[in-house]
């Protein structure tokens, strides 16, 4: 079974940084797949081989774990005032659109 997340935030399989919270020294994607919400950032080049071998999850993270992280991030952004009510609702609805493909 393959899982497909709504487009949004991708997390690095090496360090866990993501689109809205880069590494301390800054980074960019060497590999990224928004359909599975993961990638390899420039600070984690040593994980490119894992990515190229098909690994898409940080450690043993499952798609549901990533979906939970995405929701937690959206809630944090709302609390911090970086998302208004409408943006918050739209983002949660998009995340709720997570579907699985068999």
PDB file of N, CA and C in Angstrom:
ATOM      1  N   UNK A   1       0.830  -1.169   0.000  1.00  0.00           N
ATOM      2  CA  UNK A   1       0.000   0.000   0.000  1.00  0.00           C
ATOM      3  C   UNK A   1       0.885   1.247   0.000  1.00  0.00           C
ATOM      4  N   UNK A   2       0.641   2.180  -0.894  1.00  0.00           N
ATOM      5  CA  UNK A   2       1.348   3.454  -0.914  1.00  0.00           C
ATOM      6  C   UNK A   2       0.435   4.535  -0.361  1.00  0.00           C
ATOM      7  N   UNK A   3       0.973   5.440   0.424  1.00  0.00           N
ATOM      8  CA  UNK A   3       0.194   6.524   0.986  1.00  0.00           C
ATOM      9  C   UNK A   3       0.527   7.807   0.266  1.00  0.00           C
ATOM     10  N   UNK A   4      -0.463   8.633   0.080  1.00  0.00           N
ATOM     11  CA  UNK A   4      -0.274   9.899  -0.607  1.00  0.00           C
ATOM     12  C   UNK A   4      -0.814  11.011   0.288  1.00  0.00           C
ATOM     13  N   UNK A   5       0.032  11.939   0.678  1.00  0.00           N
ATOM     14  CA  UNK A   5      -0.387  13.068   1.496  1.00  0.00           C
ATOM     15  C   UNK A   5      -0.749  14.228   0.592  1.00  0.00           C
ATOM     16  N   UNK A   6      -1.626  15.051   1.075  1.00  0.00           N
ATOM     17  CA  UNK A   6      -1.945  16.271   0.339  1.00  0.00           C
ATOM     18  C   UNK A   6      -0.672  17.110   0.216  1.00  0.00           C
ATOM     19  N   UNK A   7      -0.533  17.854  -0.877  1.00  0.00           N
ATOM     20  CA  UNK A   7       0.650  18.702  -1.025  1.00  0.00           C
ATOM     21  C   UNK A   7       0.800  19.628   0.174  1.00  0.00           C
ATOM     22  N   UNK A   8       2.017  19.876   0.572  1.00  0.00           N
ATOM     23  CA  UNK A   8       2.214  20.728   1.733  1.00  0.00           C
ATOM     24  C   UNK A   8       3.655  20.785   2.148  1.00  0.00           C
ATOM     25  N   UNK A   9       3.908  20.295   3.331  1.00  0.00           N
ATOM     26  CA  UNK A   9       5.224  20.401   3.943  1.00  0.00           C
ATOM     27  C   UNK A   9       5.965  19.081   3.800  1.00  0.00           C
ATOM     28  N   UNK A  10       7.253  19.157   3.431  1.00  0.00           N
ATOM     29  CA  UNK A  10       8.097  17.962   3.361  1.00  0.00           C
ATOM     30  C   UNK A  10       9.113  18.008   4.500  1.00  0.00           C
ATOM     31  N   UNK A  11       9.422  16.841   5.052  1.00  0.00           N
ATOM     32  CA  UNK A  11      10.382  16.693   6.146  1.00  0.00           C
ATOM     33  C   UNK A  11      11.604  15.938   5.655  1.00  0.00           C
ATOM     34  N   UNK A  12      12.783  16.320   6.123  1.00  0.00           N
ATOM     35  CA  UNK A  12      14.017  15.644   5.746  1.00  0.00           C
ATOM     36  C   UNK A  12      14.102  14.288   6.454  1.00  0.00           C
ATOM     37  N   UNK A  13      14.458  13.239   5.712  1.00  0.00           N
ATOM     38  CA  UNK A  13      14.581  11.912   6.325  1.00  0.00           C
ATOM     39  C   UNK A  13      15.835  11.793   7.173  1.00  0.00           C
ATOM     40  N   UNK A  14      16.740  12.756   7.053  1.00  0.00           N
ATOM     41  CA  UNK A  14      17.957  12.720   7.855  1.00  0.00           C
ATOM     42  C   UNK A  14      17.815  13.427   9.181  1.00  0.00           C
ATOM     43  N   UNK A  15      17.447  14.705   9.134  1.00  0.00           N
ATOM     44  CA  UNK A  15      17.448  15.518  10.355  1.00  0.00           C
ATOM     45  C   UNK A  15      16.065  15.944  10.813  1.00  0.00           C
ATOM     46  N   UNK A  16      15.069  15.845   9.950  1.00  0.00           N
ATOM     47  CA  UNK A  16      13.717  16.226  10.333  1.00  0.00           C
ATOM     48  C   UNK A  16      13.367  17.676  10.049  1.00  0.00           C
ATOM     49  N   UNK A  17      14.297  18.462   9.485  1.00  0.00           N
ATOM     50  CA  UNK A  17      13.943  19.838   9.132  1.00  0.00           C
ATOM     51  C   UNK A  17      12.817  19.783   8.107  1.00  0.00           C
ATOM     52  N   UNK A  18      12.194  20.919   7.849  1.00  0.00           N
ATOM     53  CA  UNK A  18      11.100  20.924   6.888  1.00  0.00           C
ATOM     54  C   UNK A  18      10.999  22.281   6.209  1.00  0.00           C
ATOM     55  N   UNK A  19      10.058  22.401   5.308  1.00  0.00           N
ATOM     56  CA  UNK A  19       9.946  23.594   4.463  1.00  0.00           C
ATOM     57  C   UNK A  19       9.913  24.902   5.247  1.00  0.00           C
ATOM     58  N   UNK A  20       9.272  24.922   6.384  1.00  0.00           N
ATOM     59  CA  UNK A  20       9.111  26.152   7.149  1.00  0.00           C
ATOM     60  C   UNK A  20      10.126  26.307   8.279  1.00  0.00           C
ATOM     61  N   UNK A  21      10.920  25.291   8.514  1.00  0.00           N
ATOM     62  CA  UNK A  21      11.933  25.323   9.575  1.00  0.00           C
ATOM     63  C   UNK A  21      13.191  24.631   9.068  1.00  0.00           C
ATOM     64  N   UNK A  22      14.043  25.394   8.387  1.00  0.00           N
ATOM     65  CA  UNK A  22      15.271  24.845   7.807  1.00  0.00           C
ATOM     66  C   UNK A  22      16.305  24.554   8.892  1.00  0.00           C
ATOM     67  N   UNK A  23      17.377  23.920   8.496  1.00  0.00           N
ATOM     68  CA  UNK A  23      18.499  23.664   9.407  1.00  0.00           C
ATOM     69  C   UNK A  23      19.074  24.996   9.899  1.00  0.00           C
ATOM     70  N   UNK A  24      19.773  24.942  11.010  1.00  0.00           N
ATOM     71  CA  UNK A  24      20.318  26.141  11.628  1.00  0.00           C
ATOM     72  C   UNK A  24      21.163  26.972  10.653  1.00  0.00           C
ATOM     73  N   UNK A  25      21.958  26.302   9.835  1.00  0.00           N
ATOM     74  CA  UNK A  25      22.820  27.005   8.877  1.00  0.00           C
ATOM     75  C   UNK A  25      22.155  27.216   7.523  1.00  0.00           C
ATOM     76  N   UNK A  26      20.880  26.887   7.430  1.00  0.00           N
ATOM     77  CA  UNK A  26      20.162  26.978   6.165  1.00  0.00           C
ATOM     78  C   UNK A  26      20.352  25.713   5.340  1.00  0.00           C
ATOM     79  N   UNK A  27      19.399  25.409   4.503  1.00  0.00           N
ATOM     80  CA  UNK A  27      19.497  24.214   3.655  1.00  0.00           C
ATOM     81  C   UNK A  27      18.502  24.323   2.512  1.00  0.00           C
ATOM     82  N   UNK A  28      18.603  23.390   1.569  1.00  0.00           N
ATOM     83  CA  UNK A  28      17.692  23.286   0.443  1.00  0.00           C
ATOM     84  C   UNK A  28      17.535  21.810   0.140  1.00  0.00           C
ATOM     85  N   UNK A  29      16.548  21.500  -0.666  1.00  0.00           N
ATOM     86  CA  UNK A  29      16.276  20.091  -0.974  1.00  0.00           C
ATOM     87  C   UNK A  29      17.232  19.560  -2.034  1.00  0.00           C
ATOM     88  N   UNK A  30      17.871  18.436  -1.723  1.00  0.00           N
ATOM     89  CA  UNK A  30      18.631  17.681  -2.719  1.00  0.00           C
ATOM     90  C   UNK A  30      17.691  16.710  -3.421  1.00  0.00           C
ATOM     91  N   UNK A  31      16.773  16.151  -2.664  1.00  0.00           N
ATOM     92  CA  UNK A  31      15.720  15.270  -3.157  1.00  0.00           C
ATOM     93  C   UNK A  31      14.465  15.655  -2.381  1.00  0.00           C
ATOM     94  N   UNK A  32      13.311  15.663  -3.044  1.00  0.00           N
ATOM     95  CA  UNK A  32      12.058  15.941  -2.327  1.00  0.00           C
ATOM     96  C   UNK A  32      10.892  15.339  -3.102  1.00  0.00           C
ATOM     97  N   UNK A  33       9.939  14.819  -2.363  1.00  0.00           N
ATOM     98  CA  UNK A  33       8.712  14.268  -2.938  1.00  0.00           C
ATOM     99  C   UNK A  33       7.563  14.725  -2.043  1.00  0.00           C
ATOM    100  N   UNK A  34       6.813  15.709  -2.502  1.00  0.00           N
ATOM    101  CA  UNK A  34       5.732  16.263  -1.687  1.00  0.00           C
ATOM    102  C   UNK A  34       4.552  15.307  -1.550  1.00  0.00           C
ATOM    103  N   UNK A  35       4.450  14.321  -2.426  1.00  0.00           N
ATOM    104  CA  UNK A  35       3.360  13.353  -2.305  1.00  0.00           C
ATOM    105  C   UNK A  35       3.523  12.476  -1.073  1.00  0.00           C
ATOM    106  N   UNK A  36       4.756  12.284  -0.622  1.00  0.00           N
ATOM    107  CA  UNK A  36       4.987  11.505   0.602  1.00  0.00           C
ATOM    108  C   UNK A  36       5.558  12.381   1.714  1.00  0.00           C
ATOM    109  N   UNK A  37       5.579  13.693   1.473  1.00  0.00           N
ATOM    110  CA  UNK A  37       5.980  14.683   2.483  1.00  0.00           C
ATOM    111  C   UNK A  37       7.373  14.437   3.048  1.00  0.00           C
ATOM    112  N   UNK A  38       8.314  14.071   2.183  1.00  0.00           N
ATOM    113  CA  UNK A  38       9.664  13.842   2.675  1.00  0.00           C
ATOM    114  C   UNK A  38      10.694  14.182   1.611  1.00  0.00           C
ATOM    115  N   UNK A  39      11.948  14.301   2.063  1.00  0.00           N
ATOM    116  CA  UNK A  39      13.040  14.616   1.167  1.00  0.00           C
ATOM    117  C   UNK A  39      14.367  14.491   1.886  1.00  0.00           C
ATOM    118  N   UNK A  40      15.424  14.922   1.226  1.00  0.00           N
ATOM    119  CA  UNK A  40      16.763  14.954   1.817  1.00  0.00           C
ATOM    120  C   UNK A  40      17.287  16.373   1.619  1.00  0.00           C
ATOM    121  N   UNK A  41      17.646  17.022   2.734  1.00  0.00           N
ATOM    122  CA  UNK A  41      18.138  18.400   2.646  1.00  0.00           C
ATOM    123  C   UNK A  41      19.646  18.418   2.392  1.00  0.00           C
ATOM    124  N   UNK A  42      20.142  19.585   2.033  1.00  0.00           N
ATOM    125  CA  UNK A  42      21.553  19.740   1.693  1.00  0.00           C
ATOM    126  C   UNK A  42      22.487  19.483   2.872  1.00  0.00           C
ATOM    127  N   UNK A  43      21.992  19.590   4.102  1.00  0.00           N
ATOM    128  CA  UNK A  43      22.812  19.307   5.275  1.00  0.00           C
ATOM    129  C   UNK A  43      22.885  17.801   5.560  1.00  0.00           C
ATOM    130  N   UNK A  44      22.091  17.018   4.878  1.00  0.00           N
ATOM    131  CA  UNK A  44      22.028  15.563   5.125  1.00  0.00           C
ATOM    132  C   UNK A  44      22.389  14.764   3.878  1.00  0.00           C
ATOM    133  N   UNK A  45      23.352  15.248   3.147  1.00  0.00           N
ATOM    134  CA  UNK A  45      23.749  14.607   1.885  1.00  0.00           C
ATOM    135  C   UNK A  45      24.048  13.119   2.068  1.00  0.00           C
ATOM    136  N   UNK A  46      24.528  12.731   3.254  1.00  0.00           N
ATOM    137  CA  UNK A  46      24.846  11.317   3.484  1.00  0.00           C
ATOM    138  C   UNK A  46      23.610  10.419   3.414  1.00  0.00           C
ATOM    139  N   UNK A  47      22.409  11.010   3.448  1.00  0.00           N
ATOM    140  CA  UNK A  47      21.174  10.222   3.375  1.00  0.00           C
ATOM    141  C   UNK A  47      20.631  10.090   1.948  1.00  0.00           C
ATOM    142  N   UNK A  48      21.317  10.687   0.974  1.00  0.00           N
ATOM    143  CA  UNK A  48      20.870  10.593  -0.421  1.00  0.00           C
ATOM    144  C   UNK A  48      20.844   9.130  -0.870  1.00  0.00           C
ATOM    145  N   UNK A  49      21.826   8.332  -0.443  1.00  0.00           N
ATOM    146  CA  UNK A  49      21.843   6.915  -0.827  1.00  0.00           C
ATOM    147  C   UNK A  49      20.610   6.186  -0.315  1.00  0.00           C
ATOM    148  N   UNK A  50      20.206   6.478   0.917  1.00  0.00           N
ATOM    149  CA  UNK A  50      18.974   5.881   1.461  1.00  0.00           C
ATOM    150  C   UNK A  50      17.781   6.268   0.596  1.00  0.00           C
ATOM    151  N   UNK A  51      17.712   7.566   0.265  1.00  0.00           N
ATOM    152  CA  UNK A  51      16.610   8.064  -0.561  1.00  0.00           C
ATOM    153  C   UNK A  51      16.605   7.359  -1.914  1.00  0.00           C
ATOM    154  N   UNK A  52      17.768   7.319  -2.557  1.00  0.00           N
ATOM    155  CA  UNK A  52      17.862   6.703  -3.878  1.00  0.00           C
ATOM    156  C   UNK A  52      17.540   5.211  -3.837  1.00  0.00           C
ATOM    157  N   UNK A  53      17.696   4.599  -2.660  1.00  0.00           N
ATOM    158  CA  UNK A  53      17.352   3.181  -2.490  1.00  0.00           C
ATOM    159  C   UNK A  53      15.864   2.991  -2.188  1.00  0.00           C
ATOM    160  N   UNK A  54      15.117   4.091  -2.083  1.00  0.00           N
ATOM    161  CA  UNK A  54      13.675   3.978  -1.896  1.00  0.00           C
ATOM    162  C   UNK A  54      13.156   4.323  -0.509  1.00  0.00           C
ATOM    163  N   UNK A  55      14.042   4.623   0.434  1.00  0.00           N
ATOM    164  CA  UNK A  55      13.579   4.984   1.774  1.00  0.00           C
ATOM    165  C   UNK A  55      13.016   6.397   1.753  1.00  0.00           C
ATOM    166  N   UNK A  56      11.827   6.551   2.297  1.00  0.00           N
ATOM    167  CA  UNK A  56      11.175   7.854   2.299  1.00  0.00           C
ATOM    168  C   UNK A  56      10.797   8.339   3.693  1.00  0.00           C
ATOM    169  N   UNK A  57      11.089   7.539   4.714  1.00  0.00           N
ATOM    170  CA  UNK A  57      10.657   7.901   6.064  1.00  0.00           C
ATOM    171  C   UNK A  57      11.858   8.078   6.964  1.00  0.00           C
ATOM    172  N   UNK A  58      11.773   9.033   7.843  1.00  0.00           N
ATOM    173  CA  UNK A  58      12.828   9.251   8.834  1.00  0.00           C
ATOM    174  C   UNK A  58      12.765   8.120   9.840  1.00  0.00           C
ATOM    175  N   UNK A  59      13.845   7.411   9.989  1.00  0.00           N
ATOM    176  CA  UNK A  59      13.910   6.244  10.866  1.00  0.00           C
ATOM    177  C   UNK A  59      12.790   5.286  10.503  1.00  0.00           C
ATOM    178  N   UNK A  60      11.846   5.064  11.405  1.00  0.00           N
ATOM    179  CA  UNK A  60      10.753   4.136  11.112  1.00  0.00           C
ATOM    180  C   UNK A  60       9.427   4.870  10.992  1.00  0.00           C
ATOM    181  N   UNK A  61       9.470   6.134  10.591  1.00  0.00           N
ATOM    182  CA  UNK A  61       8.250   6.917  10.496  1.00  0.00           C
ATOM    183  C   UNK A  61       7.313   6.365   9.441  1.00  0.00           C
ATOM    184  N   UNK A  62       6.072   6.263   9.804  1.00  0.00           N
ATOM    185  CA  UNK A  62       5.031   5.843   8.881  1.00  0.00           C
ATOM    186  C   UNK A  62       4.294   7.077   8.374  1.00  0.00           C
ATOM    187  N   UNK A  63       3.542   6.954   7.289  1.00  0.00           N
ATOM    188  CA  UNK A  63       2.803   8.100   6.763  1.00  0.00           C
ATOM    189  C   UNK A  63       1.898   8.766   7.799  1.00  0.00           C
ATOM    190  N   UNK A  64       1.277   7.973   8.652  1.00  0.00           N
ATOM    191  CA  UNK A  64       0.399   8.560   9.673  1.00  0.00           C
ATOM    192  C   UNK A  64       1.193   9.444  10.625  1.00  0.00           C
ATOM    193  N   UNK A  65       2.426   9.065  10.939  1.00  0.00           N
ATOM    194  CA  UNK A  65       3.272   9.886  11.803  1.00  0.00           C
ATOM    195  C   UNK A  65       3.550  11.232  11.152  1.00  0.00           C
ATOM    196  N   UNK A  66       3.828  11.222   9.861  1.00  0.00           N
ATOM    197  CA  UNK A  66       4.106  12.463   9.146  1.00  0.00           C
ATOM    198  C   UNK A  66       2.855  13.326   9.102  1.00  0.00           C
ATOM    199  N   UNK A  67       1.686  12.709   8.873  1.00  0.00           N
ATOM    200  CA  UNK A  67       0.438  13.468   8.867  1.00  0.00           C
ATOM    201  C   UNK A  67       0.223  14.142  10.215  1.00  0.00           C
ATOM    202  N   UNK A  68       0.516  13.440  11.301  1.00  0.00           N
ATOM    203  CA  UNK A  68       0.379  14.020  12.642  1.00  0.00           C
ATOM    204  C   UNK A  68       1.345  15.184  12.827  1.00  0.00           C
ATOM    205  N   UNK A  69       2.570  15.045  12.329  1.00  0.00           N
ATOM    206  CA  UNK A  69       3.535  16.139  12.412  1.00  0.00           C
ATOM    207  C   UNK A  69       3.038  17.350  11.636  1.00  0.00           C
ATOM    208  N   UNK A  70       2.469  17.113  10.453  1.00  0.00           N
ATOM    209  CA  UNK A  70       1.954  18.212   9.645  1.00  0.00           C
ATOM    210  C   UNK A  70       0.835  18.939  10.381  1.00  0.00           C
ATOM    211  N   UNK A  71      -0.080  18.192  10.979  1.00  0.00           N
ATOM    212  CA  UNK A  71      -1.191  18.798  11.713  1.00  0.00           C
ATOM    213  C   UNK A  71      -0.661  19.579  12.908  1.00  0.00           C
ATOM    214  N   UNK A  72       0.285  19.017  13.634  1.00  0.00           N
ATOM    215  CA  UNK A  72       0.864  19.708  14.794  1.00  0.00           C
ATOM    216  C   UNK A  72       1.520  21.009  14.350  1.00  0.00           C
ATOM    217  N   UNK A  73       2.208  20.988  13.228  1.00  0.00           N
ATOM    218  CA  UNK A  73       2.854  22.197  12.719  1.00  0.00           C
ATOM    219  C   UNK A  73       1.810  23.259  12.375  1.00  0.00           C
ATOM    220  N   UNK A  74       0.731  22.860  11.727  1.00  0.00           N
ATOM    221  CA  UNK A  74      -0.318  23.810  11.350  1.00  0.00           C
ATOM    222  C   UNK A  74      -0.929  24.446  12.594  1.00  0.00           C
ATOM    223  N   UNK A  75      -1.163  23.649  13.625  1.00  0.00           N
ATOM    224  CA  UNK A  75      -1.713  24.178  14.879  1.00  0.00           C
ATOM    225  C   UNK A  75      -0.729  25.172  15.499  1.00  0.00           C
ATOM    226  N   UNK A  76       0.550  24.845  15.499  1.00  0.00           N
ATOM    227  CA  UNK A  76       1.559  25.764  16.034  1.00  0.00           C
ATOM    228  C   UNK A  76       1.576  27.076  15.254  1.00  0.00           C
ATOM    229  N   UNK A  77       1.468  26.992  13.940  1.00  0.00           N
ATOM    230  CA  UNK A  77       1.449  28.198  13.111  1.00  0.00           C
ATOM    231  C   UNK A  77       0.224  29.059  13.427  1.00  0.00           C
ATOM    232  N   UNK A  78      -0.923  28.417  13.675  1.00  0.00           N
ATOM    233  CA  UNK A  78      -2.152  29.163  14.024  1.00  0.00           C
ATOM    234  C   UNK A  78      -1.988  29.842  15.382  1.00  0.00           C
ATOM    235  N   UNK A  79      -1.475  29.109  16.354  1.00  0.00           N
ATOM    236  CA  UNK A  79      -1.278  29.669  17.694  1.00  0.00           C
ATOM    237  C   UNK A  79      -0.320  30.855  17.639  1.00  0.00           C
ATOM    238  N   UNK A  80       0.722  30.747  16.821  1.00  0.00           N
ATOM    239  CA  UNK A  80       1.711  31.817  16.700  1.00  0.00           C
ATOM    240  C   UNK A  80       1.184  33.005  15.887  1.00  0.00           C
ATOM    241  N   UNK A  81      -0.004  32.869  15.319  1.00  0.00           N
ATOM    242  CA  UNK A  81      -0.593  33.966  14.561  1.00  0.00           C
ATOM    243  C   UNK A  81      -0.120  34.067  13.127  1.00  0.00           C
ATOM    244  N   UNK A  82       0.577  33.042  12.629  1.00  0.00           N
ATOM    245  CA  UNK A  82       1.080  33.089  11.257  1.00  0.00           C
ATOM    246  C   UNK A  82       0.055  32.589  10.238  1.00  0.00           C
ATOM    247  N   UNK A  83      -1.050  32.029  10.726  1.00  0.00           N
ATOM    248  CA  UNK A  83      -2.158  31.613   9.864  1.00  0.00           C
ATOM    249  C   UNK A  83      -3.432  32.239  10.412  1.00  0.00           C
ATOM    250  N   UNK A  84      -4.234  32.834   9.516  1.00  0.00           N
ATOM    251  CA  UNK A  84      -5.527  33.327   9.985  1.00  0.00           C
ATOM    252  C   UNK A  84      -6.509  32.154  10.000  1.00  0.00           C
ATOM    253  N   UNK A  85      -7.706  32.409  10.465  1.00  0.00           N
ATOM    254  CA  UNK A  85      -8.696  31.337  10.611  1.00  0.00           C
ATOM    255  C   UNK A  85      -8.988  30.598   9.320  1.00  0.00           C
ATOM    256  N   UNK A  86      -9.132  31.353   8.236  1.00  0.00           N
ATOM    257  CA  UNK A  86      -9.444  30.729   6.951  1.00  0.00           C
ATOM    258  C   UNK A  86      -8.276  29.882   6.445  1.00  0.00           C
ATOM    259  N   UNK A  87      -7.055  30.411   6.537  1.00  0.00           N
ATOM    260  CA  UNK A  87      -5.871  29.645   6.122  1.00  0.00           C
ATOM    261  C   UNK A  87      -5.747  28.366   6.948  1.00  0.00           C
ATOM    262  N   UNK A  88      -6.007  28.493   8.235  1.00  0.00           N
ATOM    263  CA  UNK A  88      -5.935  27.350   9.138  1.00  0.00           C
ATOM    264  C   UNK A  88      -6.920  26.260   8.707  1.00  0.00           C
ATOM    265  N   UNK A  89      -8.173  26.656   8.465  1.00  0.00           N
ATOM    266  CA  UNK A  89      -9.196  25.687   8.061  1.00  0.00           C
ATOM    267  C   UNK A  89      -8.857  25.035   6.720  1.00  0.00           C
ATOM    268  N   UNK A  90      -8.396  25.837   5.758  1.00  0.00           N
ATOM    269  CA  UNK A  90      -8.056  25.303   4.439  1.00  0.00           C
ATOM    270  C   UNK A  90      -6.906  24.304   4.527  1.00  0.00           C
ATOM    271  N   UNK A  91      -5.913  24.629   5.348  1.00  0.00           N
ATOM    272  CA  UNK A  91      -4.756  23.743   5.481  1.00  0.00           C
ATOM    273  C   UNK A  91      -5.153  22.440   6.154  1.00  0.00           C
ATOM    274  N   UNK A  92      -5.963  22.521   7.200  1.00  0.00           N
ATOM    275  CA  UNK A  92      -6.423  21.300   7.865  1.00  0.00           C
ATOM    276  C   UNK A  92      -7.260  20.451   6.920  1.00  0.00           C
ATOM    277  N   UNK A  93      -8.100  21.088   6.114  1.00  0.00           N
ATOM    278  CA  UNK A  93      -8.901  20.332   5.147  1.00  0.00           C
ATOM    279  C   UNK A  93      -8.005  19.635   4.127  1.00  0.00           C
ATOM    280  N   UNK A  94      -6.945  20.311   3.680  1.00  0.00           N
ATOM    281  CA  UNK A  94      -6.017  19.693   2.728  1.00  0.00           C
ATOM    282  C   UNK A  94      -5.321  18.491   3.365  1.00  0.00           C
ATOM    283  N   UNK A  95      -4.889  18.646   4.625  1.00  0.00           N
ATOM    284  CA  UNK A  95      -4.239  17.535   5.317  1.00  0.00           C
ATOM    285  C   UNK A  95      -5.215  16.395   5.543  1.00  0.00           C
ATOM    286  N   UNK A  96      -6.473  16.727   5.788  1.00  0.00           N
ATOM    287  CA  UNK A  96      -7.491  15.707   5.982  1.00  0.00           C
ATOM    288  C   UNK A  96      -7.762  14.947   4.691  1.00  0.00           C
ATOM    289  N   UNK A  97      -7.330  15.516   3.563  1.00  0.00           N
ATOM    290  CA  UNK A  97      -7.528  14.872   2.264  1.00  0.00           C
ATOM    291  C   UNK A  97      -6.524  13.762   2.007  1.00  0.00           C
ATOM    292  N   UNK A  98      -5.758  13.378   3.037  1.00  0.00           N
ATOM    293  CA  UNK A  98      -4.806  12.296   2.867  1.00  0.00           C
ATOM    294  C   UNK A  98      -5.550  11.061   2.394  1.00  0.00           C
ATOM    295  N   UNK A  99      -5.055  10.468   1.330  1.00  0.00           N
ATOM    296  CA  UNK A  99      -5.696   9.269   0.804  1.00  0.00           C
ATOM    297  C   UNK A  99      -4.660   8.175   0.661  1.00  0.00           C
ATOM    298  N   UNK A 100      -5.117   6.948   0.610  1.00  0.00           N
ATOM    299  CA  UNK A 100      -4.182   5.848   0.373  1.00  0.00           C
ATOM    300  C   UNK A 100      -4.493   5.178  -0.944  1.00  0.00           C
ATOM    301  N   UNK A 101      -3.433   4.841  -1.639  1.00  0.00           N
ATOM    302  CA  UNK A 101      -3.551   4.146  -2.914  1.00  0.00           C
ATOM    303  C   UNK A 101      -3.114   2.714  -2.698  1.00  0.00           C
ATOM    304  N   UNK A 102      -3.859   1.804  -3.235  1.00  0.00           N
ATOM    305  CA  UNK A 102      -3.470   0.391  -3.095  1.00  0.00           C
ATOM    306  C   UNK A 102      -2.757  -0.065  -4.326  1.00  0.00           C
TER     307      UNK A 102
END
